[in-house]
């Protein structure tokens, strides 16, 4: 059985246990997860039936979809889909829709068409199902990790004094694209924006934009205030590169820190402590732990290493409350490794351990890697986990 059909059957079981009449999906990432195509569509699933209604790109959908062809139809009008699938269902029941990504004007349309039904948010159920990655997903994520490694190799080739942050980012992005990056990433958040990914050097490492809860860079203008700028990199500068990739629908997220020339001893010690914290998490995260327990484990390790102050520091008394997140069809997926997420970690989760140190004297270093949770956690990212000194 193809993986998308297995996923649909799992969803159908969850729909039935929650007394839903059915679910109608429209968000491209969810449609892709359950069908294998991201052509503009409505995907209807009930406990006994499912059908993909393609609004545009029908020929593409027929080629791409990994569900039965008889369950694919060409239809762009939601009213017709309602008439075909819901007219015989008793009114007053619940219809699941992705309310977190549904614009208000479309919600009004759904409410009018599905008059008599209670519209409920199905997104938490979908995101919970997507936490655990199957073998086919992990295989593609490994490909994405190989692609992101090509960007690291390009940094080692081009990074030098006098290069601008923008020029370095362009070189990294070029290497990613040539290695199979699809040129976009997805995050399930309305009105989210940033450049192709954070990159910053020297004093810009201390400038934290409000758009991303991480080391961000300052960007090219106030229009998109994060990512690379036109600042020229100087000898002795620390440089953080955190540019994700998307390959065959799945993301890789990795951060490495570089220095032009020789790193200061203080920066080396910061990075070594950061790596030790990361190693500790990789070795000790186990299925059944709460995400909040993992966060506390990282903070405790930092205190043991006497780096509690620079660990997760954002300056001006601010600290990050997040040390990682899930990765998959979206670059940031549940769960969140934080002090406020008490959900349980299970085998098959793919997590990005995303942490930094900020010290006013020695600079900013960051390390981010992806692991898959199992009896023994496996590192997915391929780039050596070092502070790279580039002459």
Protein backbone atom coordinates (compact mmCIF):
# COMPACT_ATOMS: atom_id res chain seq x y z
CA UNK A 1 0.00 0.00 0.00
CA UNK A 2 1.30 3.45 -0.91
CA UNK A 3 2.18 5.69 2.02
CA UNK A 4 -0.41 8.42 1.18
CA UNK A 5 -3.20 5.83 1.24
CA UNK A 6 -1.97 4.56 4.62
CA UNK A 7 -2.04 8.13 5.90
CA UNK A 8 -5.59 8.63 4.59
CA UNK A 9 -6.80 5.46 6.33
CA UNK A 10 -5.24 6.61 9.61
CA UNK A 11 -6.97 9.97 9.21
CA UNK A 12 -10.29 8.25 8.44
CA UNK A 13 -10.05 6.32 11.71
CA UNK A 14 -9.41 9.56 13.61
CA UNK A 15 -12.33 11.26 11.84
CA UNK A 16 -14.67 8.48 12.87
CA UNK A 17 -13.60 8.45 16.51
CA UNK A 18 -14.21 12.23 16.70
CA UNK A 19 -17.71 12.00 15.23
CA UNK A 20 -16.89 14.12 12.18
CA UNK A 21 -19.05 13.87 9.08
CA UNK A 22 -15.96 14.53 7.02
CA UNK A 23 -12.92 16.71 6.40
CA UNK A 24 -12.22 19.02 3.50
CA UNK A 25 -8.61 20.11 2.99
CA UNK A 26 -7.40 22.90 0.73
CA UNK A 27 -3.92 23.85 2.03
CA UNK A 28 -1.32 22.63 -0.48
CA UNK A 29 1.00 21.01 2.10
CA UNK A 30 -1.80 18.94 3.62
CA UNK A 31 -3.14 17.94 0.20
CA UNK A 32 0.40 16.91 -0.81
CA UNK A 33 0.88 14.85 2.37
CA UNK A 34 -2.25 12.80 1.79
CA UNK A 35 -2.30 12.55 -2.01
CA UNK A 36 1.19 13.16 -3.42
CA UNK A 37 0.17 16.19 -5.49
CA UNK A 38 0.07 19.89 -4.59
CA UNK A 39 -2.06 21.02 -7.52
CA UNK A 40 -4.83 23.44 -6.42
CA UNK A 41 -7.47 21.10 -5.00
CA UNK A 42 -10.06 20.33 -2.38
CA UNK A 43 -9.50 16.95 -0.77
CA UNK A 44 -12.60 15.46 0.81
CA UNK A 45 -12.26 12.62 3.33
CA UNK A 46 -15.07 10.89 5.21
CA UNK A 47 -14.78 7.73 7.33
CA UNK A 48 -15.76 5.61 4.31
CA UNK A 49 -14.70 7.62 1.27
CA UNK A 50 -12.23 10.13 -0.13
CA UNK A 51 -11.95 12.11 -3.35
CA UNK A 52 -9.54 14.72 -4.69
CA UNK A 53 -11.34 17.56 -6.49
CA UNK A 54 -8.77 19.34 -8.65
CA UNK A 55 -9.46 23.02 -9.25
CA UNK A 56 -6.63 23.54 -11.76
CA UNK A 57 -3.80 21.41 -13.16
CA UNK A 58 -5.92 18.28 -13.56
CA UNK A 59 -3.49 16.55 -15.95
CA UNK A 60 -0.63 17.20 -13.53
CA UNK A 61 -2.66 15.81 -10.64
CA UNK A 62 -3.45 12.63 -12.56
CA UNK A 63 0.27 12.06 -13.16
CA UNK A 64 1.43 13.02 -9.68
CA UNK A 65 -1.19 11.74 -7.27
CA UNK A 66 -0.53 8.52 -5.41
CA UNK A 67 -4.16 7.66 -4.83
CA UNK A 68 -6.53 5.72 -7.08
CA UNK A 69 -7.33 7.56 -10.33
CA UNK A 70 -11.05 6.93 -9.87
CA UNK A 71 -10.83 9.07 -6.74
CA UNK A 72 -9.61 12.12 -8.68
CA UNK A 73 -12.06 14.48 -10.35
CA UNK A 74 -11.88 17.87 -12.01
CA UNK A 75 -14.02 20.35 -10.08
CA UNK A 76 -13.33 23.93 -9.02
CA UNK A 77 -16.63 24.87 -7.31
CA UNK A 78 -17.03 24.14 -3.62
CA UNK A 79 -20.83 24.18 -3.96
CA UNK A 80 -20.70 21.22 -6.36
CA UNK A 81 -18.41 19.30 -4.04
CA UNK A 82 -20.88 19.90 -1.22
CA UNK A 83 -23.81 18.66 -3.32
CA UNK A 84 -21.94 15.51 -4.33
CA UNK A 85 -20.64 14.52 -0.90
CA UNK A 86 -22.66 16.16 1.84
CA UNK A 87 -26.27 16.35 0.67
CA UNK A 88 -27.05 12.86 1.97
CA UNK A 89 -25.27 13.33 5.31
CA UNK A 90 -27.42 14.24 8.29
CA UNK A 91 -27.14 17.95 9.04
CA UNK A 92 -25.95 19.22 12.38
CA UNK A 93 -22.75 17.19 12.33
CA UNK A 94 -19.19 18.47 12.25
CA UNK A 95 -17.00 19.28 9.23
CA UNK A 96 -13.23 19.57 9.73
CA UNK A 97 -11.40 22.41 7.95
CA UNK A 98 -7.85 23.86 8.35
CA UNK A 99 -9.02 26.95 10.20
CA UNK A 100 -5.49 28.11 11.10
CA UNK A 101 -4.73 28.85 7.42
CA UNK A 102 -8.25 29.69 6.19
CA UNK A 103 -8.72 33.44 5.44
CA UNK A 104 -11.77 35.03 7.02
CA UNK A 105 -13.51 35.70 3.70
CA UNK A 106 -13.15 32.04 2.73
CA UNK A 107 -14.44 30.99 6.14
CA UNK A 108 -17.59 32.95 5.39
CA UNK A 109 -17.85 31.09 2.08
CA UNK A 110 -17.41 27.72 3.81
CA UNK A 111 -20.01 28.69 6.43
CA UNK A 112 -22.53 29.61 3.74
CA UNK A 113 -22.00 26.45 1.69
CA UNK A 114 -21.91 24.11 4.70
CA UNK A 115 -24.88 25.73 6.37
CA UNK A 116 -26.20 23.45 9.09
CA UNK A 117 -22.82 21.91 9.87
CA UNK A 118 -20.48 22.88 12.67
CA UNK A 119 -17.10 23.81 11.19
CA UNK A 120 -14.23 22.71 13.44
CA UNK A 121 -10.46 23.12 13.20
CA UNK A 122 -8.89 19.91 11.88
CA UNK A 123 -5.31 21.26 11.74
CA UNK A 124 -4.19 20.05 15.21
CA UNK A 125 -5.19 16.51 14.24
CA UNK A 126 -3.26 16.70 10.95
CA UNK A 127 -0.16 18.20 12.53
CA UNK A 128 -0.18 15.57 15.26
CA UNK A 129 -0.31 12.80 12.63
CA UNK A 130 2.57 14.40 10.73
CA UNK A 131 4.90 14.41 13.78
CA UNK A 132 5.91 10.80 13.22
CA UNK A 133 7.81 10.34 9.95
CA UNK A 134 7.64 7.07 8.03
CA UNK A 135 10.60 5.47 6.27
CA UNK A 136 9.83 7.13 2.93
CA UNK A 137 9.77 10.59 4.54
CA UNK A 138 13.05 10.05 6.38
CA UNK A 139 14.66 8.91 3.13
CA UNK A 140 13.71 12.20 1.45
CA UNK A 141 14.80 14.25 4.48
CA UNK A 142 18.22 12.60 4.22
CA UNK A 143 18.36 13.82 0.60
CA UNK A 144 17.52 17.32 1.80
CA UNK A 145 20.33 17.10 4.36
CA UNK A 146 22.76 16.21 1.56
CA UNK A 147 21.53 19.26 -0.36
CA UNK A 148 22.01 21.63 2.57
CA UNK A 149 25.53 20.27 3.01
CA UNK A 150 26.37 21.58 -0.47
CA UNK A 151 25.74 25.08 0.81
CA UNK A 152 28.27 24.52 3.59
CA UNK A 153 30.85 23.34 1.06
CA UNK A 154 30.28 26.53 -0.94
CA UNK A 155 30.87 28.66 2.17
CA UNK A 156 34.29 27.07 2.60
CA UNK A 157 35.08 27.90 -1.02
CA UNK A 158 33.97 31.55 -1.20
CA UNK A 159 34.05 33.05 2.31
CA UNK A 160 36.74 35.72 2.57
CA UNK A 161 37.35 39.19 3.90
CA UNK A 162 35.52 41.85 1.88
CA UNK A 163 32.69 39.55 0.72
CA UNK A 164 29.26 40.92 1.62
CA UNK A 165 26.70 38.91 3.55
CA UNK A 166 24.45 39.11 0.50
CA UNK A 167 27.14 37.72 -1.81
CA UNK A 168 27.78 34.86 0.60
CA UNK A 169 24.06 34.09 0.86
CA UNK A 170 23.71 34.12 -2.93
CA UNK A 171 26.59 31.64 -3.26
CA UNK A 172 25.02 29.33 -0.67
CA UNK A 173 21.59 29.56 -2.30
CA UNK A 174 23.11 28.85 -5.72
CA UNK A 175 24.77 25.69 -4.38
CA UNK A 176 21.52 24.59 -2.77
CA UNK A 177 19.54 25.10 -5.98
CA UNK A 178 22.03 23.20 -8.12
CA UNK A 179 21.86 20.34 -5.60
CA UNK A 180 18.06 20.06 -5.83
CA UNK A 181 16.59 22.72 -3.51
CA UNK A 182 13.15 23.68 -4.81
CA UNK A 183 13.74 27.35 -4.08
CA UNK A 184 11.07 27.90 -1.44
CA UNK A 185 10.21 26.85 2.09
CA UNK A 186 6.91 26.56 3.93
CA UNK A 187 5.89 27.67 7.38
CA UNK A 188 2.31 27.40 8.65
CA UNK A 189 1.86 30.99 9.75
CA UNK A 190 -0.19 33.74 8.07
CA UNK A 191 1.77 36.80 6.94
CA UNK A 192 5.11 35.18 7.70
CA UNK A 193 8.03 36.44 5.63
CA UNK A 194 11.79 36.36 5.51
CA UNK A 195 14.56 36.05 2.98
CA UNK A 196 15.77 32.62 1.84
CA UNK A 197 17.17 32.20 5.33
CA UNK A 198 19.03 33.94 8.15
CA UNK A 199 22.67 34.88 7.62
CA UNK A 200 24.63 37.43 9.67
CA UNK A 201 28.17 38.43 10.53
CA UNK A 202 30.06 40.47 13.12
CA UNK A 203 27.90 43.09 14.86
CA UNK A 204 24.82 42.06 12.88
CA UNK A 205 24.74 38.84 14.90
CA UNK A 206 23.56 40.88 17.88
CA UNK A 207 20.64 42.43 15.94
CA UNK A 208 17.60 40.21 16.54
CA UNK A 209 14.54 40.95 14.39
CA UNK A 210 11.08 40.21 15.74
CA UNK A 211 10.20 37.98 12.79
CA UNK A 212 12.08 34.84 13.85
CA UNK A 213 12.92 33.74 17.37
CA UNK A 214 16.55 33.11 16.50
CA UNK A 215 19.72 34.77 15.19
CA UNK A 216 18.23 36.65 12.27
CA UNK A 217 20.52 39.19 10.62
CA UNK A 218 19.15 42.58 9.59
CA UNK A 219 18.18 42.11 5.93
CA UNK A 220 18.40 44.58 3.07
CA UNK A 221 15.68 46.99 4.22
CA UNK A 222 12.87 47.51 6.71
CA UNK A 223 10.57 45.74 4.25
CA UNK A 224 12.11 42.35 5.12
CA UNK A 225 14.20 43.04 8.23
CA UNK A 226 16.11 39.79 8.54
CA UNK A 227 18.60 37.77 6.53
CA UNK A 228 21.79 38.93 4.80
CA UNK A 229 22.69 42.59 4.39
CA UNK A 230 25.23 44.40 2.22
CA UNK A 231 27.69 44.57 5.11
CA UNK A 232 31.23 43.54 4.13
CA UNK A 233 32.60 40.70 6.22
CA UNK A 234 35.85 41.54 8.00
CA UNK A 235 38.73 39.43 9.15
CA UNK A 236 38.00 37.96 12.58
CA UNK A 237 34.21 38.15 12.10
CA UNK A 238 32.02 35.28 13.19
CA UNK A 239 29.49 34.34 10.49
CA UNK A 240 26.29 32.35 11.10
CA UNK A 241 24.62 30.63 8.12
CA UNK A 242 21.11 29.24 8.71
CA UNK A 243 19.56 28.84 5.24
CA UNK A 244 17.10 25.91 4.93
CA UNK A 245 16.27 23.85 1.86
CA UNK A 246 13.26 21.99 0.45
CA UNK A 247 13.74 18.76 -1.52
CA UNK A 248 10.83 16.73 -2.90
CA UNK A 249 8.50 18.42 -0.44
CA UNK A 250 10.60 17.99 2.72
CA UNK A 251 12.88 20.43 4.49
CA UNK A 252 16.34 20.34 6.00
CA UNK A 253 17.33 22.90 8.61
CA UNK A 254 20.96 23.31 9.65
CA UNK A 255 23.13 26.09 11.07
CA UNK A 256 26.90 26.35 11.08
CA UNK A 257 29.21 29.06 12.41
CA UNK A 258 32.34 30.26 10.60
CA UNK A 259 35.08 32.78 11.23
CA UNK A 260 37.26 34.59 8.70
CA UNK A 261 40.76 33.85 9.94
CA UNK A 262 41.34 32.59 13.47
CA UNK A 263 38.65 32.42 16.13
CA UNK A 264 39.22 33.93 19.57
CA UNK A 265 39.71 31.44 22.37
CA UNK A 266 36.52 32.74 24.01
CA UNK A 267 34.47 32.01 20.88
CA UNK A 268 35.98 28.54 20.64
CA UNK A 269 35.03 27.82 24.25
CA UNK A 270 31.48 29.06 23.65
CA UNK A 271 31.11 26.82 20.63
CA UNK A 272 32.60 23.81 22.40
CA UNK A 273 30.10 24.22 25.25
CA UNK A 274 27.27 24.59 22.73
CA UNK A 275 28.33 21.41 20.98
CA UNK A 276 28.55 19.61 24.31
CA UNK A 277 24.97 20.63 25.15
CA UNK A 278 23.80 19.46 21.72
CA UNK A 279 25.64 16.13 22.11
CA UNK A 280 24.07 15.67 25.53
CA UNK A 281 20.59 16.11 24.05
CA UNK A 282 21.28 13.77 21.14
CA UNK A 283 22.43 11.10 23.59
CA UNK A 284 19.67 11.55 26.16
CA UNK A 285 16.41 12.46 24.39
CA UNK A 286 14.25 9.34 24.61
CA UNK A 287 10.75 8.42 23.42
CA UNK A 288 8.25 9.23 26.15
CA UNK A 289 9.95 12.44 27.29
CA UNK A 290 8.06 15.72 27.27
CA UNK A 291 9.37 18.53 25.08
CA UNK A 292 9.55 20.76 28.16
CA UNK A 293 11.79 18.16 29.84
CA UNK A 294 14.21 18.35 26.92
CA UNK A 295 14.32 22.14 27.25
CA UNK A 296 15.06 21.88 30.98
CA UNK A 297 17.76 19.27 30.24
CA UNK A 298 19.53 21.72 27.91
CA UNK A 299 19.34 24.61 30.40
CA UNK A 300 20.63 22.37 33.20
CA UNK A 301 23.57 21.23 31.07
CA UNK A 302 24.43 24.84 30.23
CA UNK A 303 24.47 25.69 33.93
CA UNK A 304 26.72 22.69 34.67
CA UNK A 305 29.14 23.97 32.03
CA UNK A 306 28.92 27.47 33.54
CA UNK A 307 27.56 29.01 30.33
CA UNK A 308 24.03 29.66 31.58
CA UNK A 309 24.29 33.39 30.88
CA UNK A 310 25.31 33.27 27.18
CA UNK A 311 23.17 30.17 26.41
CA UNK A 312 20.10 31.22 24.39
CA UNK A 313 20.90 34.87 25.19
CA UNK A 314 19.31 37.55 22.98
CA UNK A 315 20.78 40.50 24.87
CA UNK A 316 19.05 43.16 26.98
CA UNK A 317 17.83 40.53 29.43
CA UNK A 318 16.03 38.49 26.78
CA UNK A 319 16.38 34.71 26.42
CA UNK A 320 15.03 32.22 23.94
CA UNK A 321 12.53 29.73 25.37
CA UNK A 322 12.95 27.38 22.41
CA UNK A 323 15.81 24.96 21.71
CA UNK A 324 14.34 23.11 18.74
CA UNK A 325 11.35 22.12 16.65
CA UNK A 326 9.96 19.47 14.36
CA UNK A 327 10.89 19.49 10.66
CA UNK A 328 9.06 17.94 7.73
CA UNK A 329 6.70 19.23 5.07
CA UNK A 330 7.02 22.59 6.82
CA UNK A 331 10.28 24.02 8.11
CA UNK A 332 8.83 24.50 11.60
CA UNK A 333 6.37 21.80 12.64
CA UNK A 334 5.17 20.53 16.00
CA UNK A 335 6.48 19.64 18.43
CA UNK A 336 8.35 22.63 19.86
CA UNK A 337 11.21 21.91 22.25
CA UNK A 338 10.37 24.62 24.74
CA UNK A 339 9.43 25.18 28.34
CA UNK A 340 5.75 25.54 27.37
CA UNK A 341 5.23 22.47 25.11
CA UNK A 342 4.44 19.47 27.31
CA UNK A 343 3.62 17.07 24.47
CA UNK A 344 5.30 13.67 24.34
CA UNK A 345 8.19 12.80 22.01
CA UNK A 346 7.87 9.49 20.15
CA UNK A 347 9.93 7.30 17.84
CA UNK A 348 10.03 8.58 14.28
CA UNK A 349 9.93 12.27 15.22
CA UNK A 350 12.42 14.40 13.25
CA UNK A 351 13.68 17.25 15.40
CA UNK A 352 15.99 20.19 14.76
CA UNK A 353 18.12 21.04 17.79
CA UNK A 354 18.52 24.79 17.30
CA UNK A 355 20.64 26.62 19.91
CA UNK A 356 23.06 29.51 20.20
CA UNK A 357 25.40 31.34 22.55
CA UNK A 358 25.63 35.14 22.70
CA UNK A 359 28.40 36.83 24.64
CA UNK A 360 29.01 40.58 24.43
CA UNK A 361 32.80 40.07 24.50
CA UNK A 362 33.41 36.90 22.47
CA UNK A 363 30.58 37.01 19.95
CA UNK A 364 27.71 34.82 18.79
CA UNK A 365 27.91 31.15 17.78
CA UNK A 366 25.11 28.87 16.69
CA UNK A 367 24.71 25.15 15.97
CA UNK A 368 21.66 23.44 14.53
CA UNK A 369 21.29 19.78 13.58
CA UNK A 370 18.49 17.38 12.75
CA UNK A 371 17.96 14.02 14.43
CA UNK A 372 15.41 11.22 14.12
CA UNK A 373 14.19 9.79 17.41
CA UNK A 374 14.54 6.05 18.01
CA UNK A 375 16.03 3.53 20.40
CA UNK A 376 19.25 5.31 19.52
CA UNK A 377 18.82 8.76 18.02
CA UNK A 378 20.35 9.20 14.57
CA UNK A 379 21.98 12.37 13.28
CA UNK A 380 20.54 13.31 9.87
CA UNK A 381 22.58 16.41 9.02
CA UNK A 382 25.88 15.59 7.31
CA UNK A 383 28.06 18.69 7.77
CA UNK A 384 30.84 18.37 10.39
CA UNK A 385 29.77 20.00 13.65
CA UNK A 386 32.67 22.37 14.14
CA UNK A 387 33.51 26.06 14.35
CA UNK A 388 35.07 26.57 10.93
CA UNK A 389 38.07 28.85 10.58
CA UNK A 390 38.29 29.95 6.94
CA UNK A 391 41.59 31.50 5.84
